[in-house]
N, C-alpha and C. Protein backbone atom coordinates (compact mmCIF):
# COMPACT_ATOMS: atom_id res chain seq x y z
N MET A 1 -6.50 4.09 12.30
CA MET A 1 -6.22 2.95 11.47
C MET A 1 -7.51 2.54 10.76
N SER A 2 -7.36 2.17 9.51
CA SER A 2 -8.51 1.77 8.72
C SER A 2 -8.98 0.39 9.15
N PRO A 3 -10.30 0.12 9.09
CA PRO A 3 -10.79 -1.19 9.52
C PRO A 3 -10.30 -2.33 8.63
N CYS A 4 -9.84 -2.05 7.41
CA CYS A 4 -9.39 -3.16 6.57
C CYS A 4 -7.90 -3.42 6.70
N CYS A 5 -7.20 -2.64 7.52
CA CYS A 5 -5.78 -2.88 7.75
C CYS A 5 -5.62 -4.04 8.72
N PRO A 6 -4.54 -4.83 8.54
CA PRO A 6 -4.27 -5.83 9.57
C PRO A 6 -4.09 -5.12 10.91
N SER A 7 -4.45 -5.78 11.98
CA SER A 7 -4.40 -5.14 13.30
C SER A 7 -2.99 -4.71 13.69
N TRP A 8 -1.97 -5.34 13.14
CA TRP A 8 -0.60 -5.02 13.48
C TRP A 8 -0.01 -3.94 12.59
N PHE A 9 -0.69 -3.52 11.53
CA PHE A 9 -0.14 -2.59 10.56
C PHE A 9 -0.08 -1.18 11.12
N ASP A 10 1.04 -0.54 10.98
CA ASP A 10 1.22 0.84 11.41
C ASP A 10 1.56 1.68 10.19
N ARG A 11 0.55 2.38 9.65
CA ARG A 11 0.72 3.14 8.42
C ARG A 11 1.81 4.20 8.56
N GLU A 12 1.86 4.88 9.70
CA GLU A 12 2.86 5.93 9.88
C GLU A 12 4.27 5.36 9.77
N SER A 13 4.52 4.23 10.37
CA SER A 13 5.83 3.60 10.27
C SER A 13 6.12 3.19 8.83
N ALA A 14 5.11 2.71 8.13
CA ALA A 14 5.31 2.29 6.75
C ALA A 14 5.67 3.48 5.87
N GLN A 15 5.07 4.64 6.14
CA GLN A 15 5.39 5.83 5.36
C GLN A 15 6.80 6.32 5.66
N GLN A 16 7.22 6.24 6.90
CA GLN A 16 8.54 6.72 7.29
C GLN A 16 9.64 5.72 6.94
N ASN A 17 9.33 4.44 6.98
CA ASN A 17 10.31 3.38 6.74
C ASN A 17 9.74 2.39 5.74
N PRO A 18 9.75 2.72 4.45
CA PRO A 18 9.14 1.84 3.45
C PRO A 18 9.63 0.41 3.58
N GLY A 19 8.68 -0.51 3.55
CA GLY A 19 9.01 -1.92 3.64
C GLY A 19 9.07 -2.47 5.04
N THR A 20 8.97 -1.62 6.05
CA THR A 20 9.08 -2.06 7.43
C THR A 20 7.76 -1.84 8.14
N PHE A 21 7.30 -2.81 8.90
CA PHE A 21 6.03 -2.72 9.58
C PHE A 21 6.23 -3.12 11.04
N THR A 22 5.23 -2.87 11.84
CA THR A 22 5.34 -3.15 13.27
C THR A 22 5.11 -4.62 13.56
N ARG A 23 5.33 -5.01 14.80
CA ARG A 23 5.16 -6.37 15.30
C ARG A 23 6.00 -7.38 14.53
N GLY A 24 7.12 -6.91 14.00
CA GLY A 24 8.05 -7.82 13.34
C GLY A 24 7.63 -8.24 11.94
N ALA A 25 6.52 -7.74 11.45
CA ALA A 25 6.09 -8.11 10.10
C ALA A 25 6.79 -7.20 9.10
N VAL A 26 7.52 -7.81 8.19
CA VAL A 26 8.28 -7.06 7.20
C VAL A 26 8.01 -7.66 5.83
N MET A 27 7.85 -6.78 4.85
CA MET A 27 7.75 -7.29 3.48
C MET A 27 9.13 -7.84 3.14
N SER A 28 9.24 -9.12 3.03
CA SER A 28 10.52 -9.74 2.76
C SER A 28 10.33 -10.86 1.75
N ASP A 29 11.40 -11.55 1.47
CA ASP A 29 11.32 -12.67 0.54
C ASP A 29 10.36 -13.74 1.05
N ALA A 30 10.12 -13.76 2.37
CA ALA A 30 9.22 -14.76 2.95
C ALA A 30 7.75 -14.36 2.80
N SER A 31 7.48 -13.08 2.51
CA SER A 31 6.10 -12.64 2.33
C SER A 31 5.56 -13.21 1.03
N GLU A 32 4.29 -13.54 1.04
CA GLU A 32 3.66 -14.06 -0.17
C GLU A 32 3.63 -12.97 -1.24
N ILE A 33 3.81 -13.36 -2.48
CA ILE A 33 3.84 -12.43 -3.60
C ILE A 33 2.47 -12.37 -4.25
N ILE A 34 2.02 -11.15 -4.55
CA ILE A 34 0.74 -10.99 -5.24
C ILE A 34 0.91 -11.48 -6.68
N THR A 35 -0.10 -12.15 -7.19
CA THR A 35 -0.04 -12.66 -8.56
C THR A 35 -0.65 -11.66 -9.53
N GLU A 36 -0.32 -11.84 -10.79
CA GLU A 36 -0.88 -10.99 -11.84
C GLU A 36 -2.40 -11.08 -11.85
N ALA A 37 -2.92 -12.26 -11.59
CA ALA A 37 -4.38 -12.46 -11.57
C ALA A 37 -5.04 -11.72 -10.41
N GLU A 38 -4.31 -11.51 -9.31
CA GLU A 38 -4.87 -10.83 -8.14
C GLU A 38 -4.79 -9.30 -8.25
N MET A 39 -3.93 -8.80 -9.12
CA MET A 39 -3.72 -7.35 -9.22
C MET A 39 -4.97 -6.56 -9.60
N PRO A 40 -5.77 -6.98 -10.57
CA PRO A 40 -6.95 -6.17 -10.90
C PRO A 40 -7.87 -5.92 -9.70
N GLN A 41 -8.12 -6.94 -8.90
CA GLN A 41 -8.98 -6.78 -7.72
C GLN A 41 -8.29 -5.89 -6.69
N ALA A 42 -6.99 -6.07 -6.50
CA ALA A 42 -6.25 -5.25 -5.55
C ALA A 42 -6.28 -3.78 -5.97
N LEU A 43 -6.09 -3.52 -7.25
CA LEU A 43 -6.11 -2.14 -7.74
C LEU A 43 -7.50 -1.54 -7.65
N ALA A 44 -8.53 -2.32 -7.93
CA ALA A 44 -9.90 -1.82 -7.79
C ALA A 44 -10.18 -1.42 -6.35
N THR A 45 -9.75 -2.24 -5.41
CA THR A 45 -9.92 -1.93 -3.99
C THR A 45 -9.11 -0.69 -3.62
N LEU A 46 -7.89 -0.63 -4.12
CA LEU A 46 -7.03 0.51 -3.84
C LEU A 46 -7.64 1.80 -4.39
N PHE A 47 -8.08 1.79 -5.65
CA PHE A 47 -8.64 3.01 -6.25
C PHE A 47 -9.91 3.46 -5.54
N LYS A 48 -10.71 2.53 -5.09
CA LYS A 48 -11.92 2.90 -4.35
C LYS A 48 -11.55 3.55 -3.02
N ARG A 49 -10.55 2.99 -2.37
CA ARG A 49 -10.17 3.49 -1.05
C ARG A 49 -9.50 4.86 -1.09
N VAL A 50 -8.69 5.13 -2.12
CA VAL A 50 -8.01 6.42 -2.17
C VAL A 50 -8.98 7.58 -2.35
N GLN A 51 -10.19 7.29 -2.79
CA GLN A 51 -11.18 8.34 -2.97
C GLN A 51 -11.73 8.85 -1.64
N THR A 52 -11.63 8.06 -0.60
CA THR A 52 -12.22 8.43 0.68
C THR A 52 -11.22 8.46 1.84
N ASP A 53 -10.00 8.01 1.62
CA ASP A 53 -9.01 7.90 2.70
C ASP A 53 -7.74 8.66 2.31
N ALA A 54 -7.62 9.90 2.77
CA ALA A 54 -6.48 10.75 2.41
C ALA A 54 -5.16 10.16 2.88
N ASP A 55 -5.15 9.54 4.05
CA ASP A 55 -3.91 8.95 4.55
C ASP A 55 -3.46 7.79 3.66
N PHE A 56 -4.41 6.99 3.21
CA PHE A 56 -4.07 5.88 2.33
C PHE A 56 -3.61 6.41 0.97
N ARG A 57 -4.23 7.46 0.49
CA ARG A 57 -3.83 8.08 -0.77
C ARG A 57 -2.38 8.55 -0.67
N LYS A 58 -2.03 9.16 0.44
CA LYS A 58 -0.66 9.61 0.66
C LYS A 58 0.30 8.42 0.67
N LEU A 59 -0.09 7.32 1.31
CA LEU A 59 0.73 6.12 1.32
C LEU A 59 0.94 5.60 -0.10
N CYS A 60 -0.11 5.62 -0.92
CA CYS A 60 0.01 5.16 -2.31
C CYS A 60 1.03 5.99 -3.08
N LEU A 61 1.00 7.30 -2.86
CA LEU A 61 1.93 8.18 -3.56
C LEU A 61 3.36 8.01 -3.07
N GLN A 62 3.53 7.75 -1.78
CA GLN A 62 4.86 7.64 -1.19
C GLN A 62 5.46 6.24 -1.28
N ASN A 63 4.62 5.22 -1.14
CA ASN A 63 5.12 3.85 -1.08
C ASN A 63 4.06 2.89 -1.62
N PRO A 64 3.95 2.80 -2.95
CA PRO A 64 2.91 1.95 -3.55
C PRO A 64 2.98 0.48 -3.10
N GLY A 65 4.18 -0.04 -2.90
CA GLY A 65 4.31 -1.42 -2.45
C GLY A 65 3.69 -1.64 -1.09
N ALA A 66 3.88 -0.67 -0.19
CA ALA A 66 3.28 -0.77 1.14
C ALA A 66 1.76 -0.67 1.05
N ALA A 67 1.26 0.14 0.11
CA ALA A 67 -0.19 0.25 -0.06
C ALA A 67 -0.79 -1.07 -0.54
N ILE A 68 -0.13 -1.71 -1.49
CA ILE A 68 -0.60 -3.03 -1.97
C ILE A 68 -0.54 -4.03 -0.82
N PHE A 69 0.54 -3.99 -0.04
CA PHE A 69 0.67 -4.90 1.10
C PHE A 69 -0.44 -4.66 2.12
N GLU A 70 -0.77 -3.39 2.36
CA GLU A 70 -1.83 -3.08 3.32
C GLU A 70 -3.17 -3.65 2.85
N ILE A 71 -3.43 -3.58 1.58
CA ILE A 71 -4.71 -4.07 1.03
C ILE A 71 -4.76 -5.60 0.98
N THR A 72 -3.64 -6.22 0.56
CA THR A 72 -3.67 -7.65 0.26
C THR A 72 -2.89 -8.53 1.24
N GLY A 73 -1.95 -7.92 1.98
CA GLY A 73 -1.06 -8.74 2.80
C GLY A 73 0.01 -9.43 1.98
N LYS A 74 0.14 -9.02 0.72
CA LYS A 74 1.12 -9.63 -0.18
C LYS A 74 2.01 -8.54 -0.76
N ARG A 75 3.24 -8.91 -1.10
CA ARG A 75 4.17 -7.94 -1.65
C ARG A 75 4.21 -8.04 -3.17
N LEU A 76 4.75 -7.00 -3.78
CA LEU A 76 4.96 -7.00 -5.22
C LEU A 76 6.10 -7.94 -5.56
N PRO A 77 6.09 -8.53 -6.76
CA PRO A 77 7.20 -9.41 -7.15
C PRO A 77 8.53 -8.65 -7.18
N GLU A 78 9.60 -9.35 -6.89
CA GLU A 78 10.94 -8.77 -6.92
C GLU A 78 11.21 -8.15 -8.28
N GLY A 79 11.73 -6.93 -8.26
CA GLY A 79 12.07 -6.24 -9.50
C GLY A 79 10.92 -5.49 -10.16
N SER A 80 9.71 -5.67 -9.66
CA SER A 80 8.58 -4.96 -10.25
C SER A 80 8.48 -3.58 -9.61
N THR A 81 7.89 -2.67 -10.36
CA THR A 81 7.68 -1.32 -9.83
C THR A 81 6.22 -0.94 -10.03
N LEU A 82 5.76 -0.10 -9.17
CA LEU A 82 4.40 0.41 -9.24
C LEU A 82 4.46 1.85 -8.75
N SER A 83 3.83 2.74 -9.48
CA SER A 83 3.80 4.12 -9.03
C SER A 83 2.44 4.72 -9.34
N PHE A 84 2.10 5.71 -8.57
CA PHE A 84 0.85 6.44 -8.74
C PHE A 84 1.19 7.91 -8.86
N ALA A 85 0.44 8.62 -9.65
CA ALA A 85 0.64 10.05 -9.81
C ALA A 85 -0.59 10.78 -9.32
N ASN A 86 -0.37 11.91 -8.73
CA ASN A 86 -1.48 12.74 -8.28
C ASN A 86 -1.99 13.52 -9.50
N PRO A 87 -3.30 13.49 -9.76
CA PRO A 87 -3.83 14.22 -10.91
C PRO A 87 -3.50 15.71 -10.83
N GLU A 88 -3.20 16.28 -11.98
CA GLU A 88 -2.87 17.71 -12.03
C GLU A 88 -4.03 18.54 -11.48
N GLY A 89 -3.69 19.47 -10.63
CA GLY A 89 -4.69 20.34 -10.04
C GLY A 89 -5.35 19.81 -8.78
N VAL A 90 -5.08 18.56 -8.44
CA VAL A 90 -5.64 17.98 -7.21
C VAL A 90 -4.61 18.14 -6.11
N PRO A 91 -4.97 18.77 -5.00
CA PRO A 91 -3.97 18.97 -3.93
C PRO A 91 -3.53 17.65 -3.32
N LEU A 92 -2.25 17.61 -2.95
CA LEU A 92 -1.71 16.43 -2.27
C LEU A 92 -2.28 16.36 -0.87
N PRO A 93 -2.48 15.14 -0.34
CA PRO A 93 -2.92 15.02 1.05
C PRO A 93 -1.87 15.61 1.98
N GLU A 94 -2.33 16.21 3.05
CA GLU A 94 -1.38 16.79 4.02
C GLU A 94 -1.11 15.83 5.13
């Protein structure tokens, strides 16, 4: 587990069950929503981390909302979408 993850966060469960986390924490309507003003800092943190953390990079590709939640503890607004693409020629994390 990464040192910046909440202590209750289980990345493997998040990858297998998008939106569901351990210890009863679930991205739900009750979770705080990330604001547009907070997104640039969240994305900067995310982009820095994917360069050194293959597991987190895989999470970003599979479940971007869970990756944002892992970084910020906040969910994306209802109806919004976020996706990441693996650069051409760069192998996917295993």
